[in-house]
Amino acid sequence: MGTMLVQPERRPARQHPRYRYDGHILVSYRQDERQRLLHGRCNTISEGGVGATVDGHLQPDQVVNIQFSVEKAPVQVRINARVRYNAGFNHGFEFIAPNPTYLQAIRNSLHRQAARASA
């Protein structure tokens, strides 16, 4: 399971604040009638998406499925996402209509981390 650090990145205002995150991510997508898998590491997370380094190259606007774990969630989070950017092996993924249960698990994890940091 990944480890979260509770300091939002210092960038211009975003729809959702991003937090540093270190955890495994699995990216799956279809190409040439075959299912492809890429492994990687998440480095940021928010309620709207994740940033990750993966072992392949994905195109902006490509739709993929991502799987990762968050603290105290009973199952892995599985969400469809759109590739928002790529810079080498670094990619940004925006969640597409996330399942409310998964989104709540992400929110709960972010709130727990924030509460521990302010305690």
N, C-alpha and C. Protein backbone atom coordinates (compact mmCIF):
# COMPACT_ATOMS: atom_id res chain seq x y z
N MET A 1 0.85 -1.16 0.00
CA MET A 1 0.00 0.00 0.00
C MET A 1 0.89 1.23 0.00
N GLY A 2 0.48 2.30 -0.62
CA GLY A 2 1.29 3.50 -0.77
C GLY A 2 1.36 4.32 0.50
N THR A 3 2.32 5.22 0.53
CA THR A 3 2.51 6.13 1.64
C THR A 3 2.20 7.53 1.17
N MET A 4 1.36 8.25 1.91
CA MET A 4 1.03 9.61 1.52
C MET A 4 1.76 10.60 2.40
N LEU A 5 2.19 11.68 1.81
CA LEU A 5 2.74 12.81 2.51
C LEU A 5 1.72 13.93 2.37
N VAL A 6 1.56 14.74 3.39
CA VAL A 6 0.43 15.64 3.42
C VAL A 6 0.73 17.07 3.01
N GLN A 7 1.66 17.31 2.18
CA GLN A 7 1.93 18.67 1.74
C GLN A 7 1.48 18.84 0.31
N PRO A 8 0.48 19.71 0.09
CA PRO A 8 0.07 19.95 -1.29
C PRO A 8 1.23 20.55 -2.08
N GLU A 9 1.30 20.23 -3.36
CA GLU A 9 2.32 20.83 -4.20
C GLU A 9 2.06 22.32 -4.33
N ARG A 10 3.11 23.11 -4.49
CA ARG A 10 2.99 24.56 -4.66
C ARG A 10 2.89 24.88 -6.15
N ARG A 11 1.68 25.06 -6.62
CA ARG A 11 1.40 25.37 -8.02
C ARG A 11 0.21 26.32 -8.07
N PRO A 12 -0.12 26.85 -9.23
CA PRO A 12 -1.32 27.69 -9.33
C PRO A 12 -2.57 26.93 -8.89
N ALA A 13 -3.61 27.66 -8.53
CA ALA A 13 -4.84 27.04 -8.04
C ALA A 13 -5.37 26.00 -9.03
N ARG A 14 -5.81 24.90 -8.49
CA ARG A 14 -6.36 23.79 -9.28
C ARG A 14 -7.76 23.49 -8.75
N GLN A 15 -8.48 22.71 -9.52
CA GLN A 15 -9.81 22.31 -9.09
C GLN A 15 -9.71 21.49 -7.80
N HIS A 16 -8.71 20.61 -7.71
CA HIS A 16 -8.49 19.79 -6.52
C HIS A 16 -7.03 19.90 -6.13
N PRO A 17 -6.74 20.15 -4.84
CA PRO A 17 -5.33 20.18 -4.43
C PRO A 17 -4.69 18.81 -4.60
N ARG A 18 -3.42 18.82 -5.02
CA ARG A 18 -2.68 17.57 -5.19
C ARG A 18 -1.79 17.36 -3.98
N TYR A 19 -1.59 16.09 -3.65
CA TYR A 19 -0.75 15.71 -2.53
C TYR A 19 0.29 14.72 -3.02
N ARG A 20 1.45 14.78 -2.41
CA ARG A 20 2.48 13.80 -2.75
C ARG A 20 1.99 12.42 -2.33
N TYR A 21 2.33 11.44 -3.14
CA TYR A 21 1.87 10.08 -2.91
C TYR A 21 2.88 9.13 -3.51
N ASP A 22 3.18 8.06 -2.80
CA ASP A 22 4.11 7.05 -3.32
C ASP A 22 3.43 5.70 -3.23
N GLY A 23 3.08 5.14 -4.36
CA GLY A 23 2.42 3.84 -4.38
C GLY A 23 2.43 3.26 -5.78
N HIS A 24 2.26 1.95 -5.86
CA HIS A 24 2.24 1.25 -7.14
C HIS A 24 0.97 1.60 -7.92
N ILE A 25 1.09 1.68 -9.24
CA ILE A 25 -0.06 1.88 -10.11
C ILE A 25 0.03 0.90 -11.28
N LEU A 26 -1.11 0.40 -11.69
CA LEU A 26 -1.20 -0.47 -12.85
C LEU A 26 -2.12 0.22 -13.85
N VAL A 27 -1.63 0.40 -15.06
CA VAL A 27 -2.39 1.07 -16.12
C VAL A 27 -2.70 0.03 -17.19
N SER A 28 -3.98 -0.12 -17.54
CA SER A 28 -4.35 -1.07 -18.60
C SER A 28 -5.10 -0.32 -19.69
N TYR A 29 -4.91 -0.79 -20.92
CA TYR A 29 -5.58 -0.19 -22.07
C TYR A 29 -5.55 -1.19 -23.22
N ARG A 30 -6.36 -0.93 -24.23
CA ARG A 30 -6.41 -1.80 -25.40
C ARG A 30 -5.65 -1.14 -26.54
N GLN A 31 -4.86 -1.98 -27.23
CA GLN A 31 -4.11 -1.51 -28.40
C GLN A 31 -4.00 -2.68 -29.36
N ASP A 32 -4.32 -2.44 -30.61
CA ASP A 32 -4.24 -3.50 -31.63
C ASP A 32 -4.99 -4.75 -31.19
N GLU A 33 -6.21 -4.55 -30.68
CA GLU A 33 -7.07 -5.67 -30.27
C GLU A 33 -6.53 -6.47 -29.08
N ARG A 34 -5.50 -5.96 -28.41
CA ARG A 34 -4.92 -6.67 -27.26
C ARG A 34 -4.94 -5.78 -26.03
N GLN A 35 -5.07 -6.43 -24.88
CA GLN A 35 -5.00 -5.73 -23.61
C GLN A 35 -3.53 -5.49 -23.26
N ARG A 36 -3.17 -4.27 -22.94
CA ARG A 36 -1.79 -3.92 -22.56
C ARG A 36 -1.77 -3.48 -21.10
N LEU A 37 -0.65 -3.77 -20.42
CA LEU A 37 -0.48 -3.39 -19.02
C LEU A 37 0.83 -2.64 -18.86
N LEU A 38 0.78 -1.55 -18.09
CA LEU A 38 1.98 -0.81 -17.73
C LEU A 38 2.03 -0.70 -16.21
N HIS A 39 3.20 -0.91 -15.65
CA HIS A 39 3.40 -0.76 -14.20
C HIS A 39 4.09 0.57 -13.95
N GLY A 40 3.86 1.11 -12.77
CA GLY A 40 4.52 2.36 -12.44
C GLY A 40 4.35 2.74 -10.99
N ARG A 41 4.73 3.99 -10.68
CA ARG A 41 4.63 4.54 -9.33
C ARG A 41 3.86 5.85 -9.39
N CYS A 42 2.85 5.96 -8.54
CA CYS A 42 2.15 7.24 -8.37
C CYS A 42 3.09 8.19 -7.65
N ASN A 43 3.03 9.47 -7.98
CA ASN A 43 3.81 10.45 -7.23
C ASN A 43 2.95 11.59 -6.69
N THR A 44 1.75 11.79 -7.25
CA THR A 44 0.79 12.75 -6.70
C THR A 44 -0.61 12.16 -6.81
N ILE A 45 -1.50 12.67 -5.94
CA ILE A 45 -2.89 12.22 -5.97
C ILE A 45 -3.79 13.38 -5.57
N SER A 46 -4.98 13.41 -6.13
CA SER A 46 -6.01 14.37 -5.74
C SER A 46 -7.35 13.69 -5.92
N GLU A 47 -8.43 14.41 -5.62
CA GLU A 47 -9.76 13.85 -5.85
C GLU A 47 -10.08 13.75 -7.33
N GLY A 48 -9.30 14.42 -8.17
CA GLY A 48 -9.58 14.42 -9.60
C GLY A 48 -8.65 13.61 -10.45
N GLY A 49 -7.56 13.09 -9.87
CA GLY A 49 -6.64 12.31 -10.68
C GLY A 49 -5.34 12.00 -9.97
N VAL A 50 -4.42 11.40 -10.72
CA VAL A 50 -3.10 11.05 -10.17
C VAL A 50 -2.02 11.41 -11.18
N GLY A 51 -0.84 11.63 -10.66
CA GLY A 51 0.36 11.77 -11.48
C GLY A 51 1.20 10.54 -11.23
N ALA A 52 1.81 9.99 -12.30
CA ALA A 52 2.56 8.75 -12.13
C ALA A 52 3.67 8.64 -13.17
N THR A 53 4.66 7.86 -12.81
CA THR A 53 5.72 7.47 -13.74
C THR A 53 5.43 6.03 -14.11
N VAL A 54 5.25 5.75 -15.41
CA VAL A 54 4.93 4.40 -15.86
C VAL A 54 5.95 3.93 -16.88
N ASP A 55 6.03 2.62 -17.04
CA ASP A 55 7.05 2.02 -17.90
C ASP A 55 6.62 1.95 -19.37
N GLY A 56 6.08 3.02 -19.87
CA GLY A 56 5.66 3.08 -21.26
C GLY A 56 5.23 4.49 -21.62
N HIS A 57 4.75 4.66 -22.84
CA HIS A 57 4.36 5.97 -23.32
C HIS A 57 2.90 5.94 -23.73
N LEU A 58 2.10 6.82 -23.15
CA LEU A 58 0.68 6.93 -23.46
C LEU A 58 0.42 8.28 -24.10
N GLN A 59 -0.57 8.33 -24.98
CA GLN A 59 -0.89 9.55 -25.70
C GLN A 59 -1.87 10.42 -24.91
N PRO A 60 -1.71 11.75 -24.94
CA PRO A 60 -2.71 12.63 -24.33
C PRO A 60 -4.09 12.33 -24.91
N ASP A 61 -5.09 12.38 -24.06
CA ASP A 61 -6.50 12.09 -24.34
C ASP A 61 -6.79 10.60 -24.47
N GLN A 62 -5.79 9.75 -24.37
CA GLN A 62 -6.02 8.31 -24.39
C GLN A 62 -6.77 7.91 -23.12
N VAL A 63 -7.77 7.04 -23.25
CA VAL A 63 -8.54 6.56 -22.10
C VAL A 63 -7.96 5.22 -21.66
N VAL A 64 -7.69 5.12 -20.36
CA VAL A 64 -7.08 3.92 -19.77
C VAL A 64 -7.84 3.56 -18.50
N ASN A 65 -7.52 2.42 -17.93
CA ASN A 65 -8.02 2.04 -16.62
C ASN A 65 -6.83 2.00 -15.68
N ILE A 66 -6.95 2.63 -14.52
CA ILE A 66 -5.85 2.63 -13.56
C ILE A 66 -6.29 1.93 -12.28
N GLN A 67 -5.33 1.27 -11.64
CA GLN A 67 -5.57 0.58 -10.38
C GLN A 67 -4.47 0.97 -9.41
N PHE A 68 -4.86 1.33 -8.19
CA PHE A 68 -3.89 1.66 -7.16
C PHE A 68 -4.57 1.50 -5.81
N SER A 69 -3.79 1.50 -4.75
CA SER A 69 -4.31 1.35 -3.39
C SER A 69 -4.23 2.67 -2.65
N VAL A 70 -5.21 2.90 -1.78
CA VAL A 70 -5.15 4.03 -0.86
C VAL A 70 -5.29 3.49 0.55
N GLU A 71 -4.80 4.26 1.49
CA GLU A 71 -4.78 3.86 2.88
C GLU A 71 -6.17 3.47 3.40
N LYS A 72 -6.23 2.32 4.04
CA LYS A 72 -7.41 1.80 4.71
C LYS A 72 -8.59 1.52 3.79
N ALA A 73 -8.38 1.48 2.49
CA ALA A 73 -9.46 1.08 1.58
C ALA A 73 -9.47 -0.45 1.52
N PRO A 74 -10.64 -1.07 1.57
CA PRO A 74 -10.71 -2.53 1.60
C PRO A 74 -10.30 -3.19 0.28
N VAL A 75 -10.38 -2.46 -0.82
CA VAL A 75 -10.02 -3.00 -2.13
C VAL A 75 -9.20 -1.97 -2.89
N GLN A 76 -8.55 -2.44 -3.96
CA GLN A 76 -7.82 -1.51 -4.81
C GLN A 76 -8.80 -0.60 -5.53
N VAL A 77 -8.40 0.64 -5.70
CA VAL A 77 -9.20 1.60 -6.47
C VAL A 77 -8.99 1.29 -7.95
N ARG A 78 -10.09 1.19 -8.68
CA ARG A 78 -10.04 0.96 -10.14
C ARG A 78 -10.90 2.02 -10.79
N ILE A 79 -10.27 2.85 -11.61
CA ILE A 79 -10.97 3.99 -12.20
C ILE A 79 -10.54 4.16 -13.65
N ASN A 80 -11.50 4.48 -14.51
CA ASN A 80 -11.15 4.89 -15.87
C ASN A 80 -10.59 6.31 -15.80
N ALA A 81 -9.60 6.58 -16.62
CA ALA A 81 -8.95 7.89 -16.58
C ALA A 81 -8.52 8.29 -17.98
N ARG A 82 -8.39 9.59 -18.16
CA ARG A 82 -7.90 10.15 -19.42
C ARG A 82 -6.47 10.64 -19.18
N VAL A 83 -5.58 10.33 -20.10
CA VAL A 83 -4.21 10.84 -20.02
C VAL A 83 -4.28 12.34 -20.35
N ARG A 84 -3.87 13.18 -19.41
CA ARG A 84 -3.91 14.62 -19.61
C ARG A 84 -2.59 15.15 -20.17
N TYR A 85 -1.49 14.51 -19.79
CA TYR A 85 -0.20 14.92 -20.32
C TYR A 85 0.78 13.78 -20.20
N ASN A 86 1.84 13.87 -20.96
CA ASN A 86 2.98 12.98 -20.77
C ASN A 86 4.24 13.79 -20.99
N ALA A 87 5.24 13.50 -20.23
CA ALA A 87 6.57 14.10 -20.35
C ALA A 87 7.55 12.97 -20.09
N GLY A 88 7.96 12.32 -21.16
CA GLY A 88 8.79 11.13 -21.00
C GLY A 88 7.94 10.02 -20.41
N PHE A 89 8.38 9.49 -19.28
CA PHE A 89 7.63 8.43 -18.62
C PHE A 89 6.63 8.98 -17.59
N ASN A 90 6.63 10.28 -17.37
CA ASN A 90 5.70 10.91 -16.42
C ASN A 90 4.38 11.23 -17.11
N HIS A 91 3.29 10.85 -16.44
CA HIS A 91 1.97 11.04 -17.01
C HIS A 91 1.02 11.61 -15.96
N GLY A 92 0.06 12.38 -16.43
CA GLY A 92 -1.03 12.86 -15.58
C GLY A 92 -2.32 12.20 -16.02
N PHE A 93 -3.08 11.67 -15.07
CA PHE A 93 -4.32 10.97 -15.35
C PHE A 93 -5.48 11.68 -14.67
N GLU A 94 -6.51 12.01 -15.42
CA GLU A 94 -7.72 12.62 -14.87
C GLU A 94 -8.80 11.55 -14.78
N PHE A 95 -9.39 11.40 -13.58
CA PHE A 95 -10.43 10.41 -13.39
C PHE A 95 -11.63 10.73 -14.28
N ILE A 96 -12.25 9.68 -14.84
CA ILE A 96 -13.46 9.81 -15.63
C ILE A 96 -14.60 9.15 -14.86
N ALA A 97 -15.57 9.93 -14.44
CA ALA A 97 -16.76 9.43 -13.73
C ALA A 97 -16.41 8.34 -12.72
N PRO A 98 -15.60 8.68 -11.70
CA PRO A 98 -15.20 7.65 -10.73
C PRO A 98 -16.38 7.10 -9.94
N ASN A 99 -16.30 5.84 -9.64
CA ASN A 99 -17.28 5.18 -8.78
C ASN A 99 -17.30 5.93 -7.44
N PRO A 100 -18.48 6.32 -6.93
CA PRO A 100 -18.54 7.06 -5.67
C PRO A 100 -17.83 6.38 -4.50
N THR A 101 -17.85 5.06 -4.46
CA THR A 101 -17.17 4.34 -3.38
C THR A 101 -15.67 4.57 -3.44
N TYR A 102 -15.10 4.48 -4.64
CA TYR A 102 -13.66 4.70 -4.80
C TYR A 102 -13.30 6.16 -4.51
N LEU A 103 -14.13 7.07 -5.00
CA LEU A 103 -13.85 8.49 -4.77
C LEU A 103 -13.89 8.80 -3.28
N GLN A 104 -14.84 8.20 -2.56
CA GLN A 104 -14.92 8.42 -1.12
C GLN A 104 -13.70 7.82 -0.40
N ALA A 105 -13.22 6.68 -0.86
CA ALA A 105 -12.01 6.09 -0.27
C ALA A 105 -10.82 7.02 -0.45
N ILE A 106 -10.70 7.64 -1.61
CA ILE A 106 -9.61 8.60 -1.85
C ILE A 106 -9.77 9.80 -0.94
N ARG A 107 -10.98 10.36 -0.88
CA ARG A 107 -11.23 11.51 0.00
C ARG A 107 -10.91 11.19 1.45
N ASN A 108 -11.37 10.04 1.93
CA ASN A 108 -11.13 9.65 3.32
C ASN A 108 -9.64 9.56 3.60
N SER A 109 -8.90 8.97 2.69
CA SER A 109 -7.47 8.83 2.88
C SER A 109 -6.79 10.19 2.92
N LEU A 110 -7.17 11.09 2.02
CA LEU A 110 -6.58 12.44 2.01
C LEU A 110 -6.92 13.19 3.29
N HIS A 111 -8.15 13.06 3.77
CA HIS A 111 -8.56 13.75 5.00
C HIS A 111 -7.84 13.19 6.22
N ARG A 112 -7.65 11.87 6.28
CA ARG A 112 -6.91 11.27 7.41
C ARG A 112 -5.48 11.79 7.43
N GLN A 113 -4.87 11.82 6.26
CA GLN A 113 -3.49 12.29 6.19
C GLN A 113 -3.39 13.76 6.62
N ALA A 114 -4.32 14.57 6.18
CA ALA A 114 -4.32 16.00 6.56
C ALA A 114 -4.53 16.17 8.05
N ALA A 115 -5.42 15.38 8.64
CA ALA A 115 -5.68 15.46 10.09
C ALA A 115 -4.44 15.07 10.88
N ARG A 116 -3.73 14.03 10.45
CA ARG A 116 -2.51 13.62 11.16
C ARG A 116 -1.43 14.69 11.06
N ALA A 117 -1.35 15.35 9.94
CA ALA A 117 -0.32 16.37 9.75
C ALA A 117 -0.58 17.60 10.61
N SER A 118 -1.86 17.91 10.86
CA SER A 118 -2.16 19.10 11.65
C SER A 118 -2.22 18.80 13.14
N ALA A 119 -2.15 17.53 13.53
CA ALA A 119 -2.24 17.15 14.95
C ALA A 119 -0.93 17.37 15.66
